[in-house]
Amino acid sequence: TGHAESVQVTFDPSQVSYGTLLQVFFSVAHDPTQLNRQGPDSGTQ
């Protein structure tokens, strides 16, 4: 379908910046070196 399983984050930029959310995303939320997969899940979604 072209979709990716995603999460829409609503945040207060006076408390946490977009850049900080990126840091969290790349550091602990997933592995950005895995192409079209993540752990046991595979596919472009």
PDB file of all heavy atoms in Angstrom:
ATOM      1  N   THR A   1       0.805  -1.224   0.000  1.00  0.00           N
ATOM      2  CA  THR A   1       0.000   0.000   0.000  1.00  0.00           C
ATOM      3  C   THR A   1       0.833   1.267   0.000  1.00  0.00           C
ATOM      4  O   THR A   1       0.297   2.361  -0.202  1.00  0.00           O
ATOM      5  CB  THR A   1      -0.916   0.039   1.233  1.00  0.00           C
ATOM      6  OG1 THR A   1      -0.105   0.201   2.411  1.00  0.00           O
ATOM      7  CG2 THR A   1      -1.750  -1.236   1.357  1.00  0.00           C
ATOM      8  N   GLY A   2       2.125   1.169   0.247  1.00  0.00           N
ATOM      9  CA  GLY A   2       2.972   2.351   0.383  1.00  0.00           C
ATOM     10  C   GLY A   2       3.013   2.904   1.784  1.00  0.00           C
ATOM     11  O   GLY A   2       3.841   3.764   2.092  1.00  0.00           O
ATOM     12  N   HIS A   3       2.121   2.416   2.649  1.00  0.00           N
ATOM     13  CA  HIS A   3       2.091   2.899   4.032  1.00  0.00           C
ATOM     14  C   HIS A   3       3.261   2.336   4.839  1.00  0.00           C
ATOM     15  O   HIS A   3       3.777   1.248   4.549  1.00  0.00           O
ATOM     16  CB  HIS A   3       0.790   2.483   4.722  1.00  0.00           C
ATOM     17  CG  HIS A   3      -0.399   3.285   4.334  1.00  0.00           C
ATOM     18  ND1 HIS A   3      -0.552   4.601   4.691  1.00  0.00           N
ATOM     19  CD2 HIS A   3      -1.511   2.955   3.624  1.00  0.00           C
ATOM     20  CE1 HIS A   3      -1.706   5.057   4.233  1.00  0.00           C
ATOM     21  NE2 HIS A   3      -2.302   4.084   3.571  1.00  0.00           N
ATOM     22  N   ALA A   4       3.641   3.058   5.859  1.00  0.00           N
ATOM     23  CA  ALA A   4       4.512   2.558   6.913  1.00  0.00           C
ATOM     24  C   ALA A   4       3.739   2.639   8.222  1.00  0.00           C
ATOM     25  O   ALA A   4       2.982   3.590   8.442  1.00  0.00           O
ATOM     26  CB  ALA A   4       5.788   3.388   7.019  1.00  0.00           C
ATOM     27  N   GLU A   5       3.888   1.624   9.066  1.00  0.00           N
ATOM     28  CA  GLU A   5       3.345   1.744  10.424  1.00  0.00           C
ATOM     29  C   GLU A   5       4.066   2.912  11.088  1.00  0.00           C
ATOM     30  O   GLU A   5       5.293   2.927  11.154  1.00  0.00           O
ATOM     31  CB  GLU A   5       3.548   0.454  11.210  1.00  0.00           C
ATOM     32  CG  GLU A   5       2.675  -0.690  10.738  1.00  0.00           C
ATOM     33  CD  GLU A   5       2.593  -1.834  11.744  1.00  0.00           C
ATOM     34  OE1 GLU A   5       3.018  -1.656  12.907  1.00  0.00           O
ATOM     35  OE2 GLU A   5       2.090  -2.912  11.362  1.00  0.00           O
ATOM     36  N   SER A   6       3.312   3.877  11.548  1.00  0.00           N
ATOM     37  CA  SER A   6       3.883   5.156  11.990  1.00  0.00           C
ATOM     38  C   SER A   6       3.255   5.604  13.298  1.00  0.00           C
ATOM     39  O   SER A   6       2.239   5.061  13.739  1.00  0.00           O
ATOM     40  CB  SER A   6       3.641   6.230  10.915  1.00  0.00           C
ATOM     41  OG  SER A   6       4.110   5.808   9.653  1.00  0.00           O
ATOM     42  N   VAL A   7       3.860   6.609  13.882  1.00  0.00           N
ATOM     43  CA  VAL A   7       3.329   7.218  15.110  1.00  0.00           C
ATOM     44  C   VAL A   7       3.345   8.730  14.934  1.00  0.00           C
ATOM     45  O   VAL A   7       4.385   9.321  14.624  1.00  0.00           O
ATOM     46  CB  VAL A   7       4.149   6.813  16.342  1.00  0.00           C
ATOM     47  CG1 VAL A   7       3.636   7.547  17.591  1.00  0.00           C
ATOM     48  CG2 VAL A   7       4.079   5.304  16.559  1.00  0.00           C
ATOM     49  N   GLN A   8       2.180   9.328  15.099  1.00  0.00           N
ATOM     50  CA  GLN A   8       2.072  10.783  15.062  1.00  0.00           C
ATOM     51  C   GLN A   8       2.221  11.310  16.486  1.00  0.00           C
ATOM     52  O   GLN A   8       1.418  10.988  17.373  1.00  0.00           O
ATOM     53  CB  GLN A   8       0.734  11.221  14.485  1.00  0.00           C
ATOM     54  CG  GLN A   8       0.597  12.731  14.347  1.00  0.00           C
ATOM     55  CD  GLN A   8      -0.794  13.133  13.910  1.00  0.00           C
ATOM     56  OE1 GLN A   8      -1.780  12.899  14.609  1.00  0.00           O
ATOM     57  NE2 GLN A   8      -0.888  13.739  12.722  1.00  0.00           N
ATOM     58  N   VAL A   9       3.248  12.104  16.693  1.00  0.00           N
ATOM     59  CA  VAL A   9       3.560  12.643  18.018  1.00  0.00           C
ATOM     60  C   VAL A   9       3.148  14.107  18.072  1.00  0.00           C
ATOM     61  O   VAL A   9       3.599  14.920  17.253  1.00  0.00           O
ATOM     62  CB  VAL A   9       5.059  12.495  18.331  1.00  0.00           C
ATOM     63  CG1 VAL A   9       5.395  13.109  19.681  1.00  0.00           C
ATOM     64  CG2 VAL A   9       5.463  11.022  18.291  1.00  0.00           C
ATOM     65  N   THR A  10       2.292  14.433  19.019  1.00  0.00           N
ATOM     66  CA  THR A  10       1.944  15.819  19.304  1.00  0.00           C
ATOM     67  C   THR A  10       2.734  16.238  20.537  1.00  0.00           C
ATOM     68  O   THR A  10       2.689  15.560  21.567  1.00  0.00           O
ATOM     69  CB  THR A  10       0.441  15.973  19.561  1.00  0.00           C
ATOM     70  OG1 THR A  10      -0.288  15.494  18.426  1.00  0.00           O
ATOM     71  CG2 THR A  10       0.073  17.425  19.806  1.00  0.00           C
ATOM     72  N   PHE A  11       3.481  17.330  20.422  1.00  0.00           N
ATOM     73  CA  PHE A  11       4.377  17.709  21.517  1.00  0.00           C
ATOM     74  C   PHE A  11       4.382  19.215  21.718  1.00  0.00           C
ATOM     75  O   PHE A  11       3.961  19.985  20.842  1.00  0.00           O
ATOM     76  CB  PHE A  11       5.795  17.202  21.244  1.00  0.00           C
ATOM     77  CG  PHE A  11       6.445  17.763  19.999  1.00  0.00           C
ATOM     78  CD1 PHE A  11       7.375  18.793  20.072  1.00  0.00           C
ATOM     79  CD2 PHE A  11       6.139  17.252  18.744  1.00  0.00           C
ATOM     80  CE1 PHE A  11       7.976  19.307  18.932  1.00  0.00           C
ATOM     81  CE2 PHE A  11       6.742  17.751  17.592  1.00  0.00           C
ATOM     82  CZ  PHE A  11       7.655  18.784  17.686  1.00  0.00           C
ATOM     83  N   ASP A  12       4.844  19.613  22.892  1.00  0.00           N
ATOM     84  CA  ASP A  12       5.002  21.027  23.240  1.00  0.00           C
ATOM     85  C   ASP A  12       6.458  21.404  22.982  1.00  0.00           C
ATOM     86  O   ASP A  12       7.349  20.991  23.732  1.00  0.00           O
ATOM     87  CB  ASP A  12       4.639  21.240  24.711  1.00  0.00           C
ATOM     88  CG  ASP A  12       4.733  22.702  25.136  1.00  0.00           C
ATOM     89  OD1 ASP A  12       5.327  23.516  24.396  1.00  0.00           O
ATOM     90  OD2 ASP A  12       4.220  23.029  26.227  1.00  0.00           O
ATOM     91  N   PRO A  13       6.744  22.162  21.915  1.00  0.00           N
ATOM     92  CA  PRO A  13       8.137  22.478  21.589  1.00  0.00           C
ATOM     93  C   PRO A  13       8.833  23.358  22.619  1.00  0.00           C
ATOM     94  O   PRO A  13      10.060  23.506  22.574  1.00  0.00           O
ATOM     95  CB  PRO A  13       8.036  23.182  20.232  1.00  0.00           C
ATOM     96  CG  PRO A  13       6.631  23.671  20.154  1.00  0.00           C
ATOM     97  CD  PRO A  13       5.800  22.703  20.931  1.00  0.00           C
ATOM     98  N   SER A  14       8.066  23.930  23.549  1.00  0.00           N
ATOM     99  CA  SER A  14       8.709  24.677  24.626  1.00  0.00           C
ATOM    100  C   SER A  14       9.259  23.736  25.702  1.00  0.00           C
ATOM    101  O   SER A  14      10.052  24.144  26.549  1.00  0.00           O
ATOM    102  CB  SER A  14       7.719  25.666  25.262  1.00  0.00           C
ATOM    103  OG  SER A  14       6.712  24.989  25.995  1.00  0.00           O
ATOM    104  N   GLN A  15       8.835  22.451  25.652  1.00  0.00           N
ATOM    105  CA  GLN A  15       9.308  21.460  26.617  1.00  0.00           C
ATOM    106  C   GLN A  15      10.268  20.449  25.994  1.00  0.00           C
ATOM    107  O   GLN A  15      11.213  19.993  26.654  1.00  0.00           O
ATOM    108  CB  GLN A  15       8.123  20.709  27.232  1.00  0.00           C
ATOM    109  CG  GLN A  15       7.183  21.579  28.036  1.00  0.00           C
ATOM    110  CD  GLN A  15       6.100  20.761  28.696  1.00  0.00           C
ATOM    111  OE1 GLN A  15       6.357  19.695  29.248  1.00  0.00           O
ATOM    112  NE2 GLN A  15       4.867  21.239  28.640  1.00  0.00           N
ATOM    113  N   VAL A  16       9.996  20.067  24.763  1.00  0.00           N
ATOM    114  CA  VAL A  16      10.863  19.120  24.075  1.00  0.00           C
ATOM    115  C   VAL A  16      10.891  19.501  22.595  1.00  0.00           C
ATOM    116  O   VAL A  16       9.848  19.754  21.998  1.00  0.00           O
ATOM    117  CB  VAL A  16      10.388  17.662  24.271  1.00  0.00           C
ATOM    118  CG1 VAL A  16       8.993  17.428  23.697  1.00  0.00           C
ATOM    119  CG2 VAL A  16      11.381  16.672  23.676  1.00  0.00           C
ATOM    120  N   SER A  17      12.065  19.581  22.027  1.00  0.00           N
ATOM    121  CA  SER A  17      12.186  20.038  20.644  1.00  0.00           C
ATOM    122  C   SER A  17      12.055  18.882  19.663  1.00  0.00           C
ATOM    123  O   SER A  17      12.209  17.702  20.029  1.00  0.00           O
ATOM    124  CB  SER A  17      13.537  20.719  20.440  1.00  0.00           C
ATOM    125  OG  SER A  17      14.586  19.756  20.487  1.00  0.00           O
ATOM    126  N   TYR A  18      11.810  19.221  18.415  1.00  0.00           N
ATOM    127  CA  TYR A  18      11.772  18.203  17.364  1.00  0.00           C
ATOM    128  C   TYR A  18      13.125  17.501  17.257  1.00  0.00           C
ATOM    129  O   TYR A  18      13.190  16.274  17.099  1.00  0.00           O
ATOM    130  CB  TYR A  18      11.398  18.846  16.031  1.00  0.00           C
ATOM    131  CG  TYR A  18      11.398  17.877  14.865  1.00  0.00           C
ATOM    132  CD1 TYR A  18      10.510  16.800  14.826  1.00  0.00           C
ATOM    133  CD2 TYR A  18      12.289  18.039  13.806  1.00  0.00           C
ATOM    134  CE1 TYR A  18      10.512  15.909  13.752  1.00  0.00           C
ATOM    135  CE2 TYR A  18      12.281  17.152  12.724  1.00  0.00           C
ATOM    136  CZ  TYR A  18      11.393  16.092  12.710  1.00  0.00           C
ATOM    137  OH  TYR A  18      11.394  15.209  11.645  1.00  0.00           O
ATOM    138  N   GLY A  19      14.187  18.246  17.377  1.00  0.00           N
ATOM    139  CA  GLY A  19      15.512  17.643  17.322  1.00  0.00           C
ATOM    140  C   GLY A  19      15.735  16.633  18.427  1.00  0.00           C
ATOM    141  O   GLY A  19      16.323  15.567  18.209  1.00  0.00           O
ATOM    142  N   THR A  20      15.245  16.927  19.625  1.00  0.00           N
ATOM    143  CA  THR A  20      15.373  15.981  20.732  1.00  0.00           C
ATOM    144  C   THR A  20      14.546  14.727  20.468  1.00  0.00           C
ATOM    145  O   THR A  20      14.984  13.604  20.779  1.00  0.00           O
ATOM    146  CB  THR A  20      14.952  16.635  22.053  1.00  0.00           C
ATOM    147  OG1 THR A  20      15.816  17.743  22.318  1.00  0.00           O
ATOM    148  CG2 THR A  20      15.040  15.654  23.210  1.00  0.00           C
ATOM    149  N   LEU A  21      13.371  14.888  19.894  1.00  0.00           N
ATOM    150  CA  LEU A  21      12.566  13.718  19.540  1.00  0.00           C
ATOM    151  C   LEU A  21      13.291  12.863  18.502  1.00  0.00           C
ATOM    152  O   LEU A  21      13.230  11.626  18.550  1.00  0.00           O
ATOM    153  CB  LEU A  21      11.201  14.151  19.014  1.00  0.00           C
ATOM    154  CG  LEU A  21      10.273  14.847  20.017  1.00  0.00           C
ATOM    155  CD1 LEU A  21       8.958  15.238  19.343  1.00  0.00           C
ATOM    156  CD2 LEU A  21      10.000  13.960  21.228  1.00  0.00           C
ATOM    157  N   LEU A  22      13.975  13.500  17.554  1.00  0.00           N
ATOM    158  CA  LEU A  22      14.778  12.744  16.589  1.00  0.00           C
ATOM    159  C   LEU A  22      15.886  11.971  17.304  1.00  0.00           C
ATOM    160  O   LEU A  22      16.159  10.808  16.978  1.00  0.00           O
ATOM    161  CB  LEU A  22      15.398  13.691  15.569  1.00  0.00           C
ATOM    162  CG  LEU A  22      14.488  14.280  14.500  1.00  0.00           C
ATOM    163  CD1 LEU A  22      15.266  15.295  13.660  1.00  0.00           C
ATOM    164  CD2 LEU A  22      13.899  13.201  13.599  1.00  0.00           C
ATOM    165  N   GLN A  23      16.515  12.592  18.273  1.00  0.00           N
ATOM    166  CA  GLN A  23      17.576  11.926  19.023  1.00  0.00           C
ATOM    167  C   GLN A  23      17.039  10.685  19.732  1.00  0.00           C
ATOM    168  O   GLN A  23      17.664   9.615  19.707  1.00  0.00           O
ATOM    169  CB  GLN A  23      18.176  12.908  20.029  1.00  0.00           C
ATOM    170  CG  GLN A  23      19.419  12.393  20.744  1.00  0.00           C
ATOM    171  CD  GLN A  23      19.966  13.411  21.740  1.00  0.00           C
ATOM    172  OE1 GLN A  23      19.344  14.441  22.014  1.00  0.00           O
ATOM    173  NE2 GLN A  23      21.146  13.133  22.276  1.00  0.00           N
ATOM    174  N   VAL A  24      15.871  10.790  20.339  1.00  0.00           N
ATOM    175  CA  VAL A  24      15.222   9.643  20.989  1.00  0.00           C
ATOM    176  C   VAL A  24      14.892   8.568  19.958  1.00  0.00           C
ATOM    177  O   VAL A  24      15.131   7.371  20.167  1.00  0.00           O
ATOM    178  CB  VAL A  24      13.959  10.103  21.736  1.00  0.00           C
ATOM    179  CG1 VAL A  24      13.121   8.905  22.181  1.00  0.00           C
ATOM    180  CG2 VAL A  24      14.327  10.971  22.933  1.00  0.00           C
ATOM    181  N   PHE A  25      14.339   8.990  18.837  1.00  0.00           N
ATOM    182  CA  PHE A  25      13.927   8.063  17.781  1.00  0.00           C
ATOM    183  C   PHE A  25      15.104   7.231  17.285  1.00  0.00           C
ATOM    184  O   PHE A  25      15.026   5.999  17.198  1.00  0.00           O
ATOM    185  CB  PHE A  25      13.322   8.870  16.634  1.00  0.00           C
ATOM    186  CG  PHE A  25      12.927   8.074  15.428  1.00  0.00           C
ATOM    187  CD1 PHE A  25      11.890   7.139  15.495  1.00  0.00           C
ATOM    188  CD2 PHE A  25      13.555   8.277  14.211  1.00  0.00           C
ATOM    189  CE1 PHE A  25      11.504   6.412  14.373  1.00  0.00           C
ATOM    190  CE2 PHE A  25      13.175   7.559  13.076  1.00  0.00           C
ATOM    191  CZ  PHE A  25      12.149   6.623  13.159  1.00  0.00           C
ATOM    192  N   PHE A  26      16.230   7.885  16.992  1.00  0.00           N
ATOM    193  CA  PHE A  26      17.380   7.169  16.454  1.00  0.00           C
ATOM    194  C   PHE A  26      18.141   6.405  17.527  1.00  0.00           C
ATOM    195  O   PHE A  26      18.792   5.401  17.231  1.00  0.00           O
ATOM    196  CB  PHE A  26      18.329   8.150  15.747  1.00  0.00           C
ATOM    197  CG  PHE A  26      17.851   8.593  14.401  1.00  0.00           C
ATOM    198  CD1 PHE A  26      17.344   9.864  14.203  1.00  0.00           C
ATOM    199  CD2 PHE A  26      17.891   7.728  13.318  1.00  0.00           C
ATOM    200  CE1 PHE A  26      16.910  10.274  12.949  1.00  0.00           C
ATOM    201  CE2 PHE A  26      17.452   8.116  12.062  1.00  0.00           C
ATOM    202  CZ  PHE A  26      16.954   9.395  11.878  1.00  0.00           C
ATOM    203  N   SER A  27      18.058   6.848  18.765  1.00  0.00           N
ATOM    204  CA  SER A  27      18.833   6.226  19.833  1.00  0.00           C
ATOM    205  C   SER A  27      18.156   4.998  20.426  1.00  0.00           C
ATOM    206  O   SER A  27      18.796   3.947  20.588  1.00  0.00           O
ATOM    207  CB  SER A  27      19.103   7.244  20.940  1.00  0.00           C
ATOM    208  OG  SER A  27      19.800   6.646  22.008  1.00  0.00           O
ATOM    209  N   VAL A  28      16.874   5.107  20.772  1.00  0.00           N
ATOM    210  CA  VAL A  28      16.236   4.019  21.530  1.00  0.00           C
ATOM    211  C   VAL A  28      14.974   3.456  20.899  1.00  0.00           C
ATOM    212  O   VAL A  28      14.535   2.360  21.273  1.00  0.00           O
ATOM    213  CB  VAL A  28      15.908   4.464  22.980  1.00  0.00           C
ATOM    214  CG1 VAL A  28      17.160   4.935  23.703  1.00  0.00           C
ATOM    215  CG2 VAL A  28      14.838   5.548  23.013  1.00  0.00           C
ATOM    216  N   ALA A  29      14.336   4.159  19.959  1.00  0.00           N
ATOM    217  CA  ALA A  29      13.040   3.705  19.461  1.00  0.00           C
ATOM    218  C   ALA A  29      13.144   2.668  18.360  1.00  0.00           C
ATOM    219  O   ALA A  29      12.208   1.882  18.157  1.00  0.00           O
ATOM    220  CB  ALA A  29      12.208   4.900  18.967  1.00  0.00           C
ATOM    221  N   HIS A  30      14.272   2.662  17.616  1.00  0.00           N
ATOM    222  CA  HIS A  30      14.404   1.692  16.527  1.00  0.00           C
ATOM    223  C   HIS A  30      15.849   1.669  16.046  1.00  0.00           C
ATOM    224  O   HIS A  30      16.691   2.436  16.521  1.00  0.00           O
ATOM    225  CB  HIS A  30      13.452   2.041  15.379  1.00  0.00           C
ATOM    226  CG  HIS A  30      13.971   3.041  14.390  1.00  0.00           C
ATOM    227  ND1 HIS A  30      14.508   4.267  14.765  1.00  0.00           N
ATOM    228  CD2 HIS A  30      14.056   3.004  13.031  1.00  0.00           C
ATOM    229  CE1 HIS A  30      14.877   4.927  13.678  1.00  0.00           C
ATOM    230  NE2 HIS A  30      14.628   4.185  12.625  1.00  0.00           N
ATOM    231  N   ASP A  31      16.138   0.776  15.098  1.00  0.00           N
ATOM    232  CA  ASP A  31      17.460   0.672  14.499  1.00  0.00           C
ATOM    233  C   ASP A  31      17.389   1.233  13.079  1.00  0.00           C
ATOM    234  O   ASP A  31      16.803   0.610  12.192  1.00  0.00           O
ATOM    235  CB  ASP A  31      17.902  -0.795  14.471  1.00  0.00           C
ATOM    236  CG  ASP A  31      19.263  -0.997  13.813  1.00  0.00           C
ATOM    237  OD1 ASP A  31      19.844  -0.011  13.315  1.00  0.00           O
ATOM    238  OD2 ASP A  31      19.737  -2.151  13.801  1.00  0.00           O
ATOM    239  N   PRO A  32      17.971   2.403  12.825  1.00  0.00           N
ATOM    240  CA  PRO A  32      17.831   3.042  11.520  1.00  0.00           C
ATOM    241  C   PRO A  32      18.705   2.441  10.427  1.00  0.00           C
ATOM    242  O   PRO A  32      18.725   2.952   9.307  1.00  0.00           O
ATOM    243  CB  PRO A  32      18.238   4.487  11.809  1.00  0.00           C
ATOM    244  CG  PRO A  32      19.240   4.370  12.904  1.00  0.00           C
ATOM    245  CD  PRO A  32      18.742   3.243  13.771  1.00  0.00           C
ATOM    246  N   THR A  33      19.424   1.360  10.732  1.00  0.00           N
ATOM    247  CA  THR A  33      20.258   0.726   9.709  1.00  0.00           C
ATOM    248  C   THR A  33      19.576  -0.481   9.077  1.00  0.00           C
ATOM    249  O   THR A  33      20.131  -1.082   8.157  1.00  0.00           O
ATOM    250  CB  THR A  33      21.610   0.276  10.290  1.00  0.00           C
ATOM    251  OG1 THR A  33      21.420  -0.807  11.205  1.00  0.00           O
ATOM    252  CG2 THR A  33      22.307   1.430  10.995  1.00  0.00           C
ATOM    253  N   GLN A  34      18.393  -0.846   9.549  1.00  0.00           N
ATOM    254  CA  GLN A  34      17.686  -2.005   8.998  1.00  0.00           C
ATOM    255  C   GLN A  34      16.778  -1.544   7.852  1.00  0.00           C
ATOM    256  O   GLN A  34      15.873  -0.732   8.060  1.00  0.00           O
ATOM    257  CB  GLN A  34      16.863  -2.701  10.083  1.00  0.00           C
ATOM    258  CG  GLN A  34      17.727  -3.365  11.140  1.00  0.00           C
ATOM    259  CD  GLN A  34      16.943  -4.320  12.026  1.00  0.00           C
ATOM    260  OE1 GLN A  34      15.908  -4.858  11.634  1.00  0.00           O
ATOM    261  NE2 GLN A  34      17.422  -4.540  13.237  1.00  0.00           N
ATOM    262  N   LEU A  35      16.993  -2.076   6.679  1.00  0.00           N
ATOM    263  CA  LEU A  35      16.253  -1.676   5.484  1.00  0.00           C
ATOM    264  C   LEU A  35      14.977  -2.486   5.344  1.00  0.00           C
ATOM    265  O   LEU A  35      15.006  -3.712   5.243  1.00  0.00           O
ATOM    266  CB  LEU A  35      17.123  -1.854   4.238  1.00  0.00           C
ATOM    267  CG  LEU A  35      16.471  -1.470   2.903  1.00  0.00           C
ATOM    268  CD1 LEU A  35      16.123   0.012   2.875  1.00  0.00           C
ATOM    269  CD2 LEU A  35      17.396  -1.832   1.741  1.00  0.00           C
ATOM    270  N   ASN A  36      13.848  -1.779   5.362  1.00  0.00           N
ATOM    271  CA  ASN A  36      12.539  -2.404   5.172  1.00  0.00           C
ATOM    272  C   ASN A  36      12.310  -3.580   6.115  1.00  0.00           C
ATOM    273  O   ASN A  36      11.711  -4.589   5.749  1.00  0.00           O
ATOM    274  CB  ASN A  36      12.363  -2.867   3.717  1.00  0.00           C
ATOM    275  CG  ASN A  36      12.300  -1.704   2.761  1.00  0.00           C
ATOM    276  OD1 ASN A  36      11.902  -0.599   3.126  1.00  0.00           O
ATOM    277  ND2 ASN A  36      12.703  -1.930   1.525  1.00  0.00           N
ATOM    278  N   ARG A  37      12.757  -3.410   7.328  1.00  0.00           N
ATOM    279  CA  ARG A  37      12.485  -4.393   8.376  1.00  0.00           C
ATOM    280  C   ARG A  37      12.823  -3.765   9.721  1.00  0.00           C
ATOM    281  O   ARG A  37      13.488  -2.717   9.783  1.00  0.00           O
ATOM    282  CB  ARG A  37      13.285  -5.673   8.181  1.00  0.00           C
ATOM    283  CG  ARG A  37      14.781  -5.549   8.441  1.00  0.00           C
ATOM    284  CD  ARG A  37      15.461  -6.921   8.469  1.00  0.00           C
ATOM    285  NE  ARG A  37      14.849  -7.782   9.460  1.00  0.00           N
ATOM    286  CZ  ARG A  37      14.270  -8.958   9.161  1.00  0.00           C
ATOM    287  NH1 ARG A  37      14.235  -9.388   7.919  1.00  0.00           N
ATOM    288  NH2 ARG A  37      13.731  -9.690  10.121  1.00  0.00           N
ATOM    289  N   GLN A  38      12.393  -4.399  10.767  1.00  0.00           N
ATOM    290  CA  GLN A  38      12.757  -3.999  12.118  1.00  0.00           C
ATOM    291  C   GLN A  38      12.565  -5.213  12.999  1.00  0.00           C
ATOM    292  O   GLN A  38      11.447  -5.685  13.206  1.00  0.00           O
ATOM    293  CB  GLN A  38      11.915  -2.826  12.613  1.00  0.00           C
ATOM    294  CG  GLN A  38      12.521  -2.063  13.766  1.00  0.00           C
ATOM    295  CD  GLN A  38      13.782  -1.289  13.409  1.00  0.00           C
ATOM    296  OE1 GLN A  38      14.599  -1.000  14.272  1.00  0.00           O
ATOM    297  NE2 GLN A  38      13.991  -0.940  12.149  1.00  0.00           N
ATOM    298  N   GLY A  39      13.680  -5.768  13.471  1.00  0.00           N
ATOM    299  CA  GLY A  39      13.594  -6.960  14.297  1.00  0.00           C
ATOM    300  C   GLY A  39      12.938  -8.098  13.544  1.00  0.00           C
ATOM    301  O   GLY A  39      13.337  -8.445  12.433  1.00  0.00           O
ATOM    302  N   PRO A  40      11.879  -8.692  14.100  1.00  0.00           N
ATOM    303  CA  PRO A  40      11.235  -9.834  13.469  1.00  0.00           C
ATOM    304  C   PRO A  40      10.296  -9.473  12.325  1.00  0.00           C
ATOM    305  O   PRO A  40       9.758 -10.348  11.666  1.00  0.00           O
ATOM    306  CB  PRO A  40      10.443 -10.465  14.623  1.00  0.00           C
ATOM    307  CG  PRO A  40      10.099  -9.306  15.493  1.00  0.00           C
ATOM    308  CD  PRO A  40      11.301  -8.399  15.431  1.00  0.00           C
ATOM    309  N   ASP A  41      10.087  -8.182  12.093  1.00  0.00           N
ATOM    310  CA  ASP A  41       9.110  -7.735  11.101  1.00  0.00           C
ATOM    311  C   ASP A  41       9.809  -7.289   9.822  1.00  0.00           C
ATOM    312  O   ASP A  41      10.753  -6.505   9.871  1.00  0.00           O
ATOM    313  CB  ASP A  41       8.283  -6.566  11.655  1.00  0.00           C
ATOM    314  CG  ASP A  41       7.613  -6.916  12.967  1.00  0.00           C
ATOM    315  OD1 ASP A  41       7.082  -8.029  13.062  1.00  0.00           O
ATOM    316  OD2 ASP A  41       7.637  -6.088  13.891  1.00  0.00           O
ATOM    317  N   SER A  42       9.330  -7.754   8.676  1.00  0.00           N
ATOM    318  CA  SER A  42       9.943  -7.369   7.418  1.00  0.00           C
ATOM    319  C   SER A  42       8.892  -6.907   6.430  1.00  0.00           C
ATOM    320  O   SER A  42       7.744  -7.350   6.465  1.00  0.00           O
ATOM    321  CB  SER A  42      10.744  -8.536   6.830  1.00  0.00           C
ATOM    322  OG  SER A  42       9.898  -9.631   6.538  1.00  0.00           O
ATOM    323  N   GLY A  43       9.291  -6.017   5.544  1.00  0.00           N
ATOM    324  CA  GLY A  43       8.386  -5.441   4.553  1.00  0.00           C
ATOM    325  C   GLY A  43       8.499  -3.930   4.579  1.00  0.00           C
ATOM    326  O   GLY A  43       8.936  -3.329   5.567  1.00  0.00           O
ATOM    327  N   THR A  44       8.084  -3.300   3.494  1.00  0.00           N
ATOM    328  CA  THR A  44       8.202  -1.840   3.415  1.00  0.00           C
ATOM    329  C   THR A  44       7.338  -1.141   4.451  1.00  0.00           C
ATOM    330  O   THR A  44       7.609   0.021   4.797  1.00  0.00           O
ATOM    331  CB  THR A  44       7.812  -1.345   2.019  1.00  0.00           C
ATOM    332  OG1 THR A  44       6.472  -1.765   1.716  1.00  0.00           O
ATOM    333  CG2 THR A  44       8.750  -1.910   0.957  1.00  0.00           C
ATOM    334  N   GLN A  45       6.306  -1.816   4.958  1.00  0.00           N
ATOM    335  CA  GLN A  45       5.462  -1.197   5.982  1.00  0.00           C
ATOM    336  C   GLN A  45       6.197  -1.042   7.310  1.00  0.00           C
ATOM    337  O   GLN A  45       5.717  -0.372   8.218  1.00  0.00           O
ATOM    338  CB  GLN A  45       4.171  -1.999   6.171  1.00  0.00           C
ATOM    339  CG  GLN A  45       4.324  -3.378   6.804  1.00  0.00           C
ATOM    340  CD  GLN A  45       4.586  -4.483   5.797  1.00  0.00           C
ATOM    341  OE1 GLN A  45       5.194  -4.257   4.762  1.00  0.00           O
ATOM    342  NE2 GLN A  45       4.085  -5.675   6.089  1.00  0.00           N
TER     343      GLN A  45
END
